Protein backbone atom coordinates (compact mmCIF):
# COMPACT_ATOMS: atom_id res chain seq x y z
CA MET A 1 6.53 1.35 -63.65
CA PRO A 2 7.44 3.50 -66.67
CA ILE A 3 6.32 7.08 -66.98
CA ASN A 4 3.42 7.31 -69.41
CA LEU A 5 4.17 9.99 -71.96
CA PRO A 6 1.24 12.17 -72.99
CA ASN A 7 -0.44 11.73 -76.34
CA LEU A 8 -0.73 14.91 -78.34
CA ASP A 9 -3.97 13.62 -79.87
CA ASP A 10 -5.57 10.36 -78.74
CA ARG A 11 -8.31 10.12 -81.38
CA THR A 12 -8.65 6.77 -83.14
CA TYR A 13 -9.79 5.94 -86.67
CA ALA A 14 -13.34 5.37 -85.42
CA ASP A 15 -13.39 8.75 -83.63
CA ILE A 16 -12.12 10.62 -86.69
CA LEU A 17 -14.57 8.84 -89.01
CA ARG A 18 -17.52 9.47 -86.67
CA ASP A 19 -16.65 13.19 -86.38
CA ALA A 20 -16.25 13.55 -90.15
CA LEU A 21 -19.56 11.81 -90.90
CA ALA A 22 -21.30 13.99 -88.31
CA ARG A 23 -20.13 17.13 -90.17
CA ILE A 24 -21.62 16.10 -93.52
CA PRO A 25 -25.20 17.32 -92.82
CA VAL A 26 -23.84 20.70 -91.70
CA HIS A 27 -21.93 21.38 -94.91
CA ASN A 28 -23.94 19.31 -97.42
CA PRO A 29 -27.50 18.58 -96.22
CA GLU A 30 -28.40 16.87 -99.53
CA TRP A 31 -25.95 14.03 -98.84
CA THR A 32 -28.01 11.40 -97.00
CA ASN A 33 -26.37 8.06 -97.89
CA PHE A 34 -23.68 7.32 -95.26
CA ASN A 35 -23.21 3.62 -96.08
CA ASP A 36 -19.81 2.07 -96.79
CA SER A 37 -20.81 1.61 -100.44
CA ASP A 38 -21.06 5.38 -100.99
CA PRO A 39 -17.93 6.72 -102.80
CA GLY A 40 -17.90 9.87 -100.65
CA VAL A 41 -17.89 7.81 -97.45
CA THR A 42 -15.04 5.70 -98.88
CA ILE A 43 -12.99 8.86 -99.43
CA ILE A 44 -13.77 10.03 -95.87
CA GLN A 45 -12.66 6.61 -94.58
CA LEU A 46 -9.41 6.96 -96.53
CA PHE A 47 -8.76 10.41 -95.05
CA ALA A 48 -9.63 9.14 -91.55
CA PHE A 49 -7.07 6.34 -91.99
CA MET A 50 -4.38 8.77 -93.19
CA THR A 51 -5.19 11.20 -90.35
CA GLU A 52 -4.85 8.41 -87.79
CA SER A 53 -1.42 7.54 -89.25
CA ILE A 54 -0.32 11.18 -88.99
CA LEU A 55 -1.59 11.36 -85.39
CA TYR A 56 0.32 8.19 -84.53
CA ARG A 57 3.54 9.75 -85.82
CA ALA A 58 2.80 13.02 -84.02
CA ASN A 59 2.32 11.10 -80.76
CA GLN A 60 5.84 9.69 -81.14
CA ILE A 61 7.31 13.21 -80.83
CA PRO A 62 7.31 13.22 -76.97
CA GLU A 63 9.22 9.90 -76.94
CA ARG A 64 11.75 11.23 -79.47
CA ASN A 65 12.18 14.42 -77.44
CA ARG A 66 12.67 12.45 -74.22
CA LEU A 67 15.31 10.25 -75.84
CA LYS A 68 17.07 13.32 -77.25
CA PHE A 69 17.06 15.08 -73.85
CA LEU A 70 18.51 11.96 -72.22
CA GLN A 71 21.15 11.82 -74.95
CA LEU A 72 22.04 15.49 -74.37
CA LEU A 73 22.39 14.80 -70.64
CA GLY A 74 24.56 11.79 -71.35
CA LEU A 75 22.10 9.40 -69.66
CA PRO A 76 21.52 6.10 -71.46
CA LEU A 77 18.24 4.27 -71.11
CA ALA A 78 18.40 2.00 -68.08
CA PRO A 79 17.51 -1.66 -68.57
CA ALA A 80 14.47 -3.07 -66.86
CA ALA A 81 15.07 -3.81 -63.20
CA ALA A 82 13.15 -5.44 -60.39
CA ALA A 83 11.20 -3.05 -58.19
CA ARG A 84 11.72 -3.09 -54.43
CA GLY A 85 9.05 -2.46 -51.85
CA PHE A 86 7.40 -3.60 -48.66
CA VAL A 87 4.68 -6.22 -48.62
CA THR A 88 2.42 -6.81 -45.62
CA LEU A 89 1.24 -10.36 -45.10
CA THR A 90 -1.40 -11.15 -42.50
CA ASN A 91 -2.65 -14.39 -41.00
CA GLU A 92 -5.38 -13.06 -38.76
CA ARG A 93 -7.25 -16.29 -37.99
CA GLY A 94 -4.75 -18.92 -39.03
CA ALA A 95 -2.65 -21.23 -36.94
CA LEU A 96 0.53 -19.95 -35.30
CA THR A 97 2.79 -21.79 -37.71
CA THR A 98 5.36 -20.71 -40.24
CA HIS A 99 4.05 -20.41 -43.81
CA THR A 100 6.48 -20.82 -46.70
CA LEU A 101 5.76 -18.66 -49.74
CA GLU A 102 7.29 -19.73 -53.05
CA PRO A 103 9.08 -17.39 -55.47
CA ASP A 104 7.00 -15.72 -58.22
CA LEU A 105 4.14 -15.02 -55.82
CA ASP A 106 1.56 -12.68 -57.34
CA VAL A 107 1.19 -9.52 -55.18
CA ARG A 108 -0.71 -6.37 -56.08
CA ALA A 109 -0.59 -2.68 -55.29
CA GLY A 110 -4.02 -1.55 -56.40
CA GLN A 111 -4.32 -2.73 -60.02
CA VAL A 112 -0.56 -3.03 -60.53
CA ARG A 113 0.63 -6.64 -60.47
CA PHE A 114 4.07 -7.69 -59.17
CA LEU A 115 5.86 -11.03 -58.89
CA THR A 116 8.22 -11.72 -56.02
CA THR A 117 11.75 -12.79 -56.95
CA GLN A 118 12.48 -14.86 -53.84
CA GLY A 119 10.62 -17.19 -51.52
CA LEU A 120 9.88 -16.25 -47.93
CA ASP A 121 9.08 -17.91 -44.61
CA VAL A 122 6.29 -15.94 -42.93
CA LEU A 123 6.68 -16.20 -39.16
CA PRO A 124 3.70 -15.90 -36.78
CA ILE A 125 4.90 -12.64 -35.24
CA THR A 126 3.86 -9.01 -35.26
CA ALA A 127 6.36 -6.18 -35.41
CA GLN A 128 5.70 -2.71 -33.97
CA LEU A 129 7.87 0.40 -33.97
CA PHE A 130 8.56 2.34 -30.78
CA TYR A 131 10.70 5.33 -29.87
CA LYS A 132 11.90 6.87 -26.62
CA ARG A 133 10.03 10.12 -25.98
CA PRO A 134 11.76 12.50 -23.50
CA VAL A 135 9.93 13.08 -20.21
CA GLU A 136 10.25 16.19 -18.05
CA THR A 137 11.39 15.52 -14.47
CA THR A 138 11.94 17.58 -11.37
CA ALA A 139 15.41 18.30 -10.00
CA GLU A 140 14.67 16.07 -7.01
CA GLN A 141 13.82 13.09 -9.24
CA ALA A 142 16.95 13.68 -11.32
CA THR A 143 19.11 13.74 -8.19
CA LEU A 144 17.47 10.58 -6.82
CA TYR A 145 17.93 8.63 -10.05
CA LYS A 146 21.50 9.93 -10.40
CA GLN A 147 22.29 8.48 -6.98
CA LEU A 148 20.57 5.16 -7.77
CA TYR A 149 22.19 4.60 -11.16
CA ASP A 150 25.53 6.35 -10.61
CA ASP A 151 27.41 3.04 -10.48
CA LEU A 152 25.97 1.91 -13.82
CA LEU A 153 26.24 5.20 -15.69
CA GLY A 154 29.48 6.60 -14.33
CA ASN A 155 30.06 9.96 -12.69
CA ASN A 156 29.95 12.03 -15.89
CA GLN A 157 26.65 10.69 -17.24
CA ALA A 158 23.14 11.72 -16.20
CA PRO A 159 20.19 9.32 -16.59
CA ALA A 160 17.90 9.98 -19.54
CA PHE A 161 14.22 10.04 -18.63
CA TYR A 162 11.92 8.73 -21.34
CA ASP A 163 8.56 7.21 -22.05
CA THR A 164 8.26 4.41 -24.62
CA ALA A 165 5.80 5.57 -27.28
CA PRO A 166 4.52 3.68 -30.35
CA MET A 167 5.35 5.06 -33.77
CA PRO A 168 2.24 6.77 -35.22
CA LEU A 169 0.40 4.70 -37.83
CA PRO A 170 -0.17 5.95 -41.39
CA ALA A 171 -3.20 8.21 -41.78
CA ALA A 172 -6.40 7.06 -43.47
CA ASP A 173 -5.49 9.06 -46.59
CA GLY A 174 -2.25 7.06 -46.92
CA SER A 175 0.12 9.81 -45.76
CA LEU A 176 3.00 8.49 -43.70
CA PRO A 177 3.79 9.88 -40.24
CA ALA A 178 6.91 11.98 -39.79
CA LEU A 179 9.11 11.58 -36.73
CA ASP A 180 12.30 13.57 -36.27
CA LEU A 181 14.76 11.17 -34.63
CA ALA A 182 16.64 14.15 -33.21
CA THR A 183 13.70 14.70 -30.82
CA THR A 184 13.98 11.17 -29.39
CA VAL A 185 16.19 10.33 -26.41
CA ASP A 186 18.62 8.06 -28.27
CA GLY A 187 17.95 8.94 -31.94
CA CYS A 188 16.68 5.41 -32.66
CA LEU A 189 13.57 3.49 -33.57
CA TRP A 190 13.02 0.23 -31.71
CA ILE A 191 11.34 -2.79 -33.30
CA ALA A 192 9.33 -4.96 -30.92
CA LEU A 193 8.55 -8.47 -32.16
CA LEU A 194 5.37 -9.72 -30.53
């Protein structure tokens, strides 16, 4: 989605004309005919049209400045490209069968419309993220497990004690959870397909 550049003045012809006609009684109370046939109103309409043209050109200044800054940085304008993102598809009450979605499927993020570039087979599975959370143990438990698993781990390796914990879900306000993988036992996230 492109960045919308600000308008310096977003008044239209109708706004300018309405404001100008509203000022007439303040400066000239004797003028009471505001119809299109009045020559004074015609002149005000002409000036409103010219003012709108000037405002249109003034609103092009941010675009010109942006292009000039990109030129100074040596960055050309990038061509349009397909966006990438995650799409969640649910089949809460449907049959446990695979659904084939065709390319050019209309998906939305709020009011923004996207079309998919490829087809997709939606499988009747659910994926959940888990991580290995370290668990404190006593020296006796560590010694016991070392003896039990010594043949599998080798003499130089101690068993890692962990509890499998689900990855926190996004908050109601849309903020994503943060998990430092350095605090996990193996530095990994595990995907369980259910």
